[in-house]
Amino acid sequence: MRVFFFSTCLGGIAYADTCVNAIKLLQKEGLEVVFKKDQTCCAQPSYNSGYYEQSRIVALHNVRLFQGDEPIIVPSGSCAGMMREDYLALFEGRSEFAEVEQFCARVYDLGEYLHKILKVNYEDRGMPTKVTWHSNCHALRTSKVVNSAKALISSLQNVQLIELEHEEECCGFGGTFSIKEPEVSNAMVSQKIQDILSRNVEYVISADAGCLLNISGAMKKQQVNVKPIHLYDFLAQRIGLGA
């Protein structure tokens, strides 16, 4: 079976190793993974900022680049939500809607695809550890794939998942929000870090690169010892695929 892989902007800029691990997880299940070199942003930053016409140009580029019947796998619930749900709103009532709708039906968050479609069963090769999980807002409320990510973590025999008290609260990233409202963003991420520290865990895991950049950067400044890690890096490490 063949699938397309959409790496996302932050995947290409800051989390290239995570994208490699994500692809390895798919290849482990016997899939052929196709990476389209002309792929670009999902259009979420411009869409959230109100630039709808510009967002339609970017969205249609993706729709027409990934033509076919193959699933489109995205290692981010945020970008998957944009491409699967928000594209529909962006093109509602327009002549391209049917074309966009067919594209949206093929988009999957990677964690969701591993859990619900491939039904993976991993052998945990790592040492016992305690972790907590941060849910990014778009994955929680738009693509609604958080339960799949947590199910993958919980399936690992030597991993104890300890949930945050305020798991569903934003970390303060919010894409352009963190740029427009830095003071508010900093206060929000500081509250998130206090919640993480209260769990007494080794790792904080998320499947969103933007949230991880925000949380890890703030934790470094505050000299917090909890290790931030992307979900797909963590899974790859636990089953012997990652470094």
C-alpha atoms as a PDB file:
ATOM      1  CA  MET A   1       0.000   0.000   0.000  1.00  0.00           C
ATOM      2  CA  ARG A   2       1.216   3.501  -0.842  1.00  0.00           C
ATOM      3  CA  VAL A   3       0.670   6.688   1.174  1.00  0.00           C
ATOM      4  CA  PHE A   4       1.668  10.326   0.743  1.00  0.00           C
ATOM      5  CA  PHE A   5       3.572  12.067   3.545  1.00  0.00           C
ATOM      6  CA  PHE A   6       2.985  15.756   4.292  1.00  0.00           C
ATOM      7  CA  SER A   7       5.873  16.949   6.465  1.00  0.00           C
ATOM      8  CA  THR A   8       4.453  20.367   7.597  1.00  0.00           C
ATOM      9  CA  CYS A   9       6.452  23.620   7.762  1.00  0.00           C
ATOM     10  CA  LEU A  10       7.929  23.008  11.194  1.00  0.00           C
ATOM     11  CA  GLY A  11       8.673  19.434  10.225  1.00  0.00           C
ATOM     12  CA  GLY A  12      10.882  20.686   7.439  1.00  0.00           C
ATOM     13  CA  ILE A  13      12.420  23.587   9.370  1.00  0.00           C
ATOM     14  CA  ALA A  14      12.935  22.295  12.912  1.00  0.00           C
ATOM     15  CA  TYR A  15      11.794  18.670  13.172  1.00  0.00           C
ATOM     16  CA  ALA A  16      13.345  16.912  10.185  1.00  0.00           C
ATOM     17  CA  ASP A  17      14.489  13.977  12.341  1.00  0.00           C
ATOM     18  CA  THR A  18      10.916  13.616  13.611  1.00  0.00           C
ATOM     19  CA  CYS A  19       9.677  13.390  10.032  1.00  0.00           C
ATOM     20  CA  VAL A  20      12.239  10.671   9.332  1.00  0.00           C
ATOM     21  CA  ASN A  21      11.037   8.735  12.380  1.00  0.00           C
ATOM     22  CA  ALA A  22       7.417   9.211  11.307  1.00  0.00           C
ATOM     23  CA  ILE A  23       8.232   7.760   7.897  1.00  0.00           C
ATOM     24  CA  LYS A  24      10.061   4.841   9.547  1.00  0.00           C
ATOM     25  CA  LEU A  25       6.947   4.068  11.596  1.00  0.00           C
ATOM     26  CA  LEU A  26       4.917   3.832   8.395  1.00  0.00           C
ATOM     27  CA  GLN A  27       7.552   1.786   6.569  1.00  0.00           C
ATOM     28  CA  LYS A  28       7.704  -0.622   9.510  1.00  0.00           C
ATOM     29  CA  GLU A  29       4.100  -1.525   8.693  1.00  0.00           C
ATOM     30  CA  GLY A  30       5.049  -2.329   5.100  1.00  0.00           C
ATOM     31  CA  LEU A  31       3.856   0.912   3.490  1.00  0.00           C
ATOM     32  CA  GLU A  32       5.481   2.691   0.581  1.00  0.00           C
ATOM     33  CA  VAL A  33       5.837   6.349   1.613  1.00  0.00           C
ATOM     34  CA  VAL A  34       5.874   9.027  -1.103  1.00  0.00           C
ATOM     35  CA  PHE A  35       7.238  12.493  -0.304  1.00  0.00           C
ATOM     36  CA  LYS A  36       6.203  15.204  -2.763  1.00  0.00           C
ATOM     37  CA  LYS A  37       9.097  17.667  -3.017  1.00  0.00           C
ATOM     38  CA  ASP A  38       6.850  20.595  -4.023  1.00  0.00           C
ATOM     39  CA  GLN A  39       4.677  20.424  -0.915  1.00  0.00           C
ATOM     40  CA  THR A  40       4.349  23.599   1.127  1.00  0.00           C
ATOM     41  CA  CYS A  41       2.520  25.023   4.152  1.00  0.00           C
ATOM     42  CA  CYS A  42      -0.976  23.749   4.977  1.00  0.00           C
ATOM     43  CA  ALA A  43      -2.099  27.435   5.046  1.00  0.00           C
ATOM     44  CA  GLN A  44      -3.092  27.484   8.707  1.00  0.00           C
ATOM     45  CA  PRO A  45      -1.042  30.588   9.699  1.00  0.00           C
ATOM     46  CA  SER A  46      -2.586  32.733   6.962  1.00  0.00           C
ATOM     47  CA  TYR A  47      -6.046  31.242   7.524  1.00  0.00           C
ATOM     48  CA  ASN A  48      -5.974  31.969  11.255  1.00  0.00           C
ATOM     49  CA  SER A  49      -4.831  35.512  10.496  1.00  0.00           C
ATOM     50  CA  GLY A  50      -7.782  36.163   8.185  1.00  0.00           C
ATOM     51  CA  TYR A  51      -6.003  35.999   4.817  1.00  0.00           C
ATOM     52  CA  TYR A  52      -8.559  33.730   3.202  1.00  0.00           C
ATOM     53  CA  GLU A  53      -7.823  34.397  -0.464  1.00  0.00           C
ATOM     54  CA  GLN A  54      -4.120  33.768   0.046  1.00  0.00           C
ATOM     55  CA  SER A  55      -4.952  30.624   2.026  1.00  0.00           C
ATOM     56  CA  ARG A  56      -7.069  29.275  -0.826  1.00  0.00           C
ATOM     57  CA  ILE A  57      -4.100  29.582  -3.195  1.00  0.00           C
ATOM     58  CA  VAL A  58      -1.901  27.539  -0.847  1.00  0.00           C
ATOM     59  CA  ALA A  59      -4.648  25.000  -0.139  1.00  0.00           C
ATOM     60  CA  LEU A  60      -5.380  24.405  -3.827  1.00  0.00           C
ATOM     61  CA  HIS A  61      -1.676  23.882  -4.465  1.00  0.00           C
ATOM     62  CA  ASN A  62      -1.731  21.038  -1.949  1.00  0.00           C
ATOM     63  CA  VAL A  63      -5.010  19.626  -3.221  1.00  0.00           C
ATOM     64  CA  ARG A  64      -3.680  19.391  -6.757  1.00  0.00           C
ATOM     65  CA  LEU A  65      -0.195  18.250  -5.769  1.00  0.00           C
ATOM     66  CA  PHE A  66      -1.551  15.210  -3.899  1.00  0.00           C
ATOM     67  CA  GLN A  67      -3.931  13.983  -6.571  1.00  0.00           C
ATOM     68  CA  GLY A  68      -4.937  10.334  -6.438  1.00  0.00           C
ATOM     69  CA  ASP A  69      -6.599   7.951  -4.006  1.00  0.00           C
ATOM     70  CA  GLU A  70      -3.729   7.394  -1.583  1.00  0.00           C
ATOM     71  CA  PRO A  71      -4.082   8.465   2.061  1.00  0.00           C
ATOM     72  CA  ILE A  72      -2.244  11.682   2.970  1.00  0.00           C
ATOM     73  CA  ILE A  73      -0.474  11.210   6.305  1.00  0.00           C
ATOM     74  CA  VAL A  74       0.336  14.265   8.411  1.00  0.00           C
ATOM     75  CA  PRO A  75       2.543  14.099  11.552  1.00  0.00           C
ATOM     76  CA  SER A  76       0.602  16.912  13.221  1.00  0.00           C
ATOM     77  CA  GLY A  77      -2.986  16.967  14.452  1.00  0.00           C
ATOM     78  CA  SER A  78      -2.992  20.718  13.955  1.00  0.00           C
ATOM     79  CA  CYS A  79      -2.102  20.634  10.259  1.00  0.00           C
ATOM     80  CA  ALA A  80      -4.285  17.564   9.728  1.00  0.00           C
ATOM     81  CA  GLY A  81      -7.217  19.480  11.210  1.00  0.00           C
ATOM     82  CA  MET A  82      -6.592  22.384   8.863  1.00  0.00           C
ATOM     83  CA  MET A  83      -6.352  20.150   5.799  1.00  0.00           C
ATOM     84  CA  ARG A  84      -9.262  17.880   6.721  1.00  0.00           C
ATOM     85  CA  GLU A  85     -11.767  20.274   8.288  1.00  0.00           C
ATOM     86  CA  ASP A  86     -10.838  23.907   7.696  1.00  0.00           C
ATOM     87  CA  TYR A  87     -10.284  23.456   3.965  1.00  0.00           C
ATOM     88  CA  LEU A  88     -13.984  22.575   3.734  1.00  0.00           C
ATOM     89  CA  ALA A  89     -14.972  25.843   5.399  1.00  0.00           C
ATOM     90  CA  LEU A  90     -12.507  27.752   3.242  1.00  0.00           C
ATOM     91  CA  PHE A  91     -14.068  26.480  -0.003  1.00  0.00           C
ATOM     92  CA  GLU A  92     -17.722  26.152   1.014  1.00  0.00           C
ATOM     93  CA  GLY A  93     -19.978  27.384  -1.789  1.00  0.00           C
ATOM     94  CA  ARG A  94     -17.118  27.680  -4.274  1.00  0.00           C
ATOM     95  CA  SER A  95     -16.618  25.824  -7.552  1.00  0.00           C
ATOM     96  CA  GLU A  96     -13.609  23.898  -6.202  1.00  0.00           C
ATOM     97  CA  PHE A  97     -15.507  22.458  -3.225  1.00  0.00           C
ATOM     98  CA  ALA A  98     -16.010  18.921  -4.616  1.00  0.00           C
ATOM     99  CA  GLU A  99     -12.321  18.664  -5.518  1.00  0.00           C
ATOM    100  CA  VAL A 100     -11.312  19.884  -2.064  1.00  0.00           C
ATOM    101  CA  GLU A 101     -13.794  17.597  -0.319  1.00  0.00           C
ATOM    102  CA  GLN A 102     -12.303  14.547  -2.037  1.00  0.00           C
ATOM    103  CA  PHE A 103      -8.856  15.626  -0.876  1.00  0.00           C
ATOM    104  CA  CYS A 104      -9.968  16.239   2.719  1.00  0.00           C
ATOM    105  CA  ALA A 105     -11.427  12.736   3.004  1.00  0.00           C
ATOM    106  CA  ARG A 106      -7.938  11.296   2.400  1.00  0.00           C
ATOM    107  CA  VAL A 107      -6.138  13.239   5.151  1.00  0.00           C
ATOM    108  CA  TYR A 108      -5.103  11.439   8.346  1.00  0.00           C
ATOM    109  CA  ASP A 109      -3.111  12.439  11.390  1.00  0.00           C
ATOM    110  CA  LEU A 110      -0.272   9.916  11.721  1.00  0.00           C
ATOM    111  CA  GLY A 111      -1.174   8.857  15.262  1.00  0.00           C
ATOM    112  CA  GLU A 112      -4.768   8.299  14.208  1.00  0.00           C
ATOM    113  CA  TYR A 113      -3.629   6.278  11.186  1.00  0.00           C
ATOM    114  CA  LEU A 114      -1.291   4.080  13.236  1.00  0.00           C
ATOM    115  CA  HIS A 115      -3.920   3.479  15.911  1.00  0.00           C
ATOM    116  CA  LYS A 116      -7.209   3.189  14.021  1.00  0.00           C
ATOM    117  CA  ILE A 117      -6.260   2.115  10.501  1.00  0.00           C
ATOM    118  CA  LEU A 118      -3.056   0.114  10.879  1.00  0.00           C
ATOM    119  CA  LYS A 119      -3.887  -1.014  14.437  1.00  0.00           C
ATOM    120  CA  VAL A 120      -0.210  -1.244  15.352  1.00  0.00           C
ATOM    121  CA  ASN A 121       0.958  -3.458  18.202  1.00  0.00           C
ATOM    122  CA  TYR A 122       4.352  -2.318  19.447  1.00  0.00           C
ATOM    123  CA  GLU A 123       6.899  -4.234  21.504  1.00  0.00           C
ATOM    124  CA  ASP A 124       8.297  -1.757  24.022  1.00  0.00           C
ATOM    125  CA  ARG A 125      12.099  -2.156  24.218  1.00  0.00           C
ATOM    126  CA  GLY A 126      12.763   0.811  26.493  1.00  0.00           C
ATOM    127  CA  MET A 127      13.429   1.079  30.200  1.00  0.00           C
ATOM    128  CA  PRO A 128      10.507   1.858  32.552  1.00  0.00           C
ATOM    129  CA  THR A 129       9.643   5.552  32.519  1.00  0.00           C
ATOM    130  CA  LYS A 130       6.928   8.025  33.479  1.00  0.00           C
ATOM    131  CA  VAL A 131       5.603  10.526  30.945  1.00  0.00           C
ATOM    132  CA  THR A 132       2.915  13.129  30.581  1.00  0.00           C
ATOM    133  CA  TRP A 133       1.103  14.374  27.490  1.00  0.00           C
ATOM    134  CA  HIS A 134       0.289  17.842  26.142  1.00  0.00           C
ATOM    135  CA  SER A 135      -2.734  18.104  23.830  1.00  0.00           C
ATOM    136  CA  ASN A 136      -2.451  20.807  21.204  1.00  0.00           C
ATOM    137  CA  CYS A 137      -5.643  22.780  20.696  1.00  0.00           C
ATOM    138  CA  HIS A 138      -6.307  21.981  17.037  1.00  0.00           C
ATOM    139  CA  ALA A 139      -5.697  18.251  17.494  1.00  0.00           C
ATOM    140  CA  LEU A 140      -8.049  18.286  20.465  1.00  0.00           C
ATOM    141  CA  ARG A 141     -10.923  20.298  19.006  1.00  0.00           C
ATOM    142  CA  THR A 142     -10.636  20.154  15.197  1.00  0.00           C
ATOM    143  CA  SER A 143      -9.025  16.917  14.035  1.00  0.00           C
ATOM    144  CA  LYS A 144      -9.949  15.223  17.364  1.00  0.00           C
ATOM    145  CA  VAL A 145      -7.058  12.758  17.313  1.00  0.00           C
ATOM    146  CA  VAL A 146      -5.715  13.103  20.866  1.00  0.00           C
ATOM    147  CA  ASN A 147      -7.221   9.814  22.060  1.00  0.00           C
ATOM    148  CA  SER A 148      -5.283   7.911  19.401  1.00  0.00           C
ATOM    149  CA  ALA A 149      -1.990   9.459  20.462  1.00  0.00           C
ATOM    150  CA  LYS A 150      -2.617   8.669  24.114  1.00  0.00           C
ATOM    151  CA  ALA A 151      -3.660   5.124  23.217  1.00  0.00           C
ATOM    152  CA  LEU A 152      -0.343   4.575  21.429  1.00  0.00           C
ATOM    153  CA  ILE A 153       1.589   5.805  24.474  1.00  0.00           C
ATOM    154  CA  SER A 154      -0.514   3.746  26.893  1.00  0.00           C
ATOM    155  CA  SER A 155       0.048   0.598  24.834  1.00  0.00           C
ATOM    156  CA  LEU A 156       3.777   0.669  25.618  1.00  0.00           C
ATOM    157  CA  GLN A 157       4.396  -1.855  28.386  1.00  0.00           C
ATOM    158  CA  ASN A 158       7.133   0.034  30.233  1.00  0.00           C
ATOM    159  CA  VAL A 159       5.626   3.513  29.975  1.00  0.00           C
ATOM    160  CA  GLN A 160       3.361   5.033  32.625  1.00  0.00           C
ATOM    161  CA  LEU A 161       1.264   7.899  31.261  1.00  0.00           C
ATOM    162  CA  ILE A 162       0.368  10.452  33.955  1.00  0.00           C
ATOM    163  CA  GLU A 163      -2.147  12.979  32.676  1.00  0.00           C
ATOM    164  CA  LEU A 164      -1.814  16.695  33.316  1.00  0.00           C
ATOM    165  CA  GLU A 165      -4.311  18.365  35.612  1.00  0.00           C
ATOM    166  CA  HIS A 166      -5.010  21.005  32.967  1.00  0.00           C
ATOM    167  CA  GLU A 167      -4.254  18.979  29.853  1.00  0.00           C
ATOM    168  CA  GLU A 168      -6.710  20.783  27.602  1.00  0.00           C
ATOM    169  CA  GLU A 169      -5.402  24.287  28.343  1.00  0.00           C
ATOM    170  CA  CYS A 170      -3.359  25.977  25.598  1.00  0.00           C
ATOM    171  CA  CYS A 171       0.407  26.195  26.057  1.00  0.00           C
ATOM    172  CA  GLY A 172       0.409  29.754  24.716  1.00  0.00           C
ATOM    173  CA  PHE A 173       1.848  29.024  21.271  1.00  0.00           C
ATOM    174  CA  GLY A 174      -1.242  29.408  19.104  1.00  0.00           C
ATOM    175  CA  GLY A 175       0.807  30.091  15.977  1.00  0.00           C
ATOM    176  CA  THR A 176       0.770  33.850  15.346  1.00  0.00           C
ATOM    177  CA  PHE A 177      -0.773  34.415  18.796  1.00  0.00           C
ATOM    178  CA  SER A 178       2.600  33.926  20.480  1.00  0.00           C
ATOM    179  CA  ILE A 179       4.046  36.659  18.257  1.00  0.00           C
ATOM    180  CA  LYS A 180       1.170  39.106  18.703  1.00  0.00           C
ATOM    181  CA  GLU A 181       0.736  38.556  22.455  1.00  0.00           C
ATOM    182  CA  PRO A 182       4.153  37.501  23.826  1.00  0.00           C
ATOM    183  CA  GLU A 183       3.437  38.466  27.443  1.00  0.00           C
ATOM    184  CA  VAL A 184       0.198  36.494  27.561  1.00  0.00           C
ATOM    185  CA  SER A 185       1.846  33.590  25.743  1.00  0.00           C
ATOM    186  CA  ASN A 186       4.689  33.501  28.257  1.00  0.00           C
ATOM    187  CA  ALA A 187       2.253  33.459  31.183  1.00  0.00           C
ATOM    188  CA  MET A 188       0.328  30.582  29.614  1.00  0.00           C
ATOM    189  CA  VAL A 189       3.401  28.443  28.916  1.00  0.00           C
ATOM    190  CA  SER A 190       4.676  29.081  32.452  1.00  0.00           C
ATOM    191  CA  GLN A 191       1.409  27.709  33.844  1.00  0.00           C
ATOM    192  CA  LYS A 192       1.733  24.705  31.549  1.00  0.00           C
ATOM    193  CA  ILE A 193       5.256  24.054  32.805  1.00  0.00           C
ATOM    194  CA  GLN A 194       4.115  24.159  36.427  1.00  0.00           C
ATOM    195  CA  ASP A 195       1.482  21.551  35.574  1.00  0.00           C
ATOM    196  CA  ILE A 196       4.152  19.389  33.919  1.00  0.00           C
ATOM    197  CA  LEU A 197       6.475  19.687  36.913  1.00  0.00           C
ATOM    198  CA  SER A 198       3.690  18.647  39.275  1.00  0.00           C
ATOM    199  CA  ARG A 199       3.472  15.242  37.563  1.00  0.00           C
ATOM    200  CA  ASN A 200       7.064  14.174  38.445  1.00  0.00           C
ATOM    201  CA  VAL A 201       7.754  12.634  35.025  1.00  0.00           C
ATOM    202  CA  GLU A 202      10.811  12.110  32.836  1.00  0.00           C
ATOM    203  CA  TYR A 203       9.212  13.209  29.553  1.00  0.00           C
ATOM    204  CA  VAL A 204       6.519  15.560  28.296  1.00  0.00           C
ATOM    205  CA  ILE A 205       5.218  14.300  24.949  1.00  0.00           C
ATOM    206  CA  SER A 206       3.269  16.148  22.269  1.00  0.00           C
ATOM    207  CA  ALA A 207       2.485  15.507  18.620  1.00  0.00           C
ATOM    208  CA  ASP A 208       2.660  19.188  17.664  1.00  0.00           C
ATOM    209  CA  ALA A 209       5.987  20.762  16.713  1.00  0.00           C
ATOM    210  CA  GLY A 210       4.823  24.312  17.470  1.00  0.00           C
ATOM    211  CA  CYS A 211       3.748  23.455  20.990  1.00  0.00           C
ATOM    212  CA  LEU A 212       6.996  21.572  21.589  1.00  0.00           C
ATOM    213  CA  LEU A 213       9.098  24.503  20.386  1.00  0.00           C
ATOM    214  CA  ASN A 214       7.203  26.794  22.731  1.00  0.00           C
ATOM    215  CA  ILE A 215       7.252  24.485  25.757  1.00  0.00           C
ATOM    216  CA  SER A 216      10.838  23.284  25.294  1.00  0.00           C
ATOM    217  CA  GLY A 217      12.150  26.819  24.785  1.00  0.00           C
ATOM    218  CA  ALA A 218      10.458  28.055  27.936  1.00  0.00           C
ATOM    219  CA  MET A 219      11.595  25.015  29.926  1.00  0.00           C
ATOM    220  CA  LYS A 220      15.188  25.607  28.821  1.00  0.00           C
ATOM    221  CA  LYS A 221      15.036  29.224  30.000  1.00  0.00           C
ATOM    222  CA  GLN A 222      13.546  28.109  33.307  1.00  0.00           C
ATOM    223  CA  GLN A 223      16.114  25.279  33.629  1.00  0.00           C
ATOM    224  CA  VAL A 224      13.480  22.569  33.867  1.00  0.00           C
ATOM    225  CA  ASN A 225      14.855  19.021  33.699  1.00  0.00           C
ATOM    226  CA  VAL A 226      11.804  17.310  32.147  1.00  0.00           C
ATOM    227  CA  LYS A 227      12.613  16.180  28.604  1.00  0.00           C
ATOM    228  CA  PRO A 228      10.315  17.448  25.817  1.00  0.00           C
ATOM    229  CA  ILE A 229       9.917  14.941  22.975  1.00  0.00           C
ATOM    230  CA  HIS A 230       7.758  14.552  19.900  1.00  0.00           C
ATOM    231  CA  LEU A 231       5.378  11.591  19.918  1.00  0.00           C
ATOM    232  CA  TYR A 232       6.901   9.983  16.830  1.00  0.00           C
ATOM    233  CA  ASP A 233      10.449  10.319  18.131  1.00  0.00           C
ATOM    234  CA  PHE A 234       9.328   8.719  21.385  1.00  0.00           C
ATOM    235  CA  LEU A 235       7.552   5.829  19.661  1.00  0.00           C
ATOM    236  CA  ALA A 236      10.501   5.211  17.350  1.00  0.00           C
ATOM    237  CA  GLN A 237      12.915   5.134  20.275  1.00  0.00           C
ATOM    238  CA  ARG A 238      10.760   2.771  22.316  1.00  0.00           C
ATOM    239  CA  ILE A 239      10.513   0.193  19.524  1.00  0.00           C
ATOM    240  CA  GLY A 240      14.125   0.456  18.356  1.00  0.00           C
ATOM    241  CA  LEU A 241      13.732   2.574  15.216  1.00  0.00           C
ATOM    242  CA  GLY A 242      15.017   5.935  16.422  1.00  0.00           C
ATOM    243  CA  ALA A 243      18.270   7.142  17.881  1.00  0.00           C
END
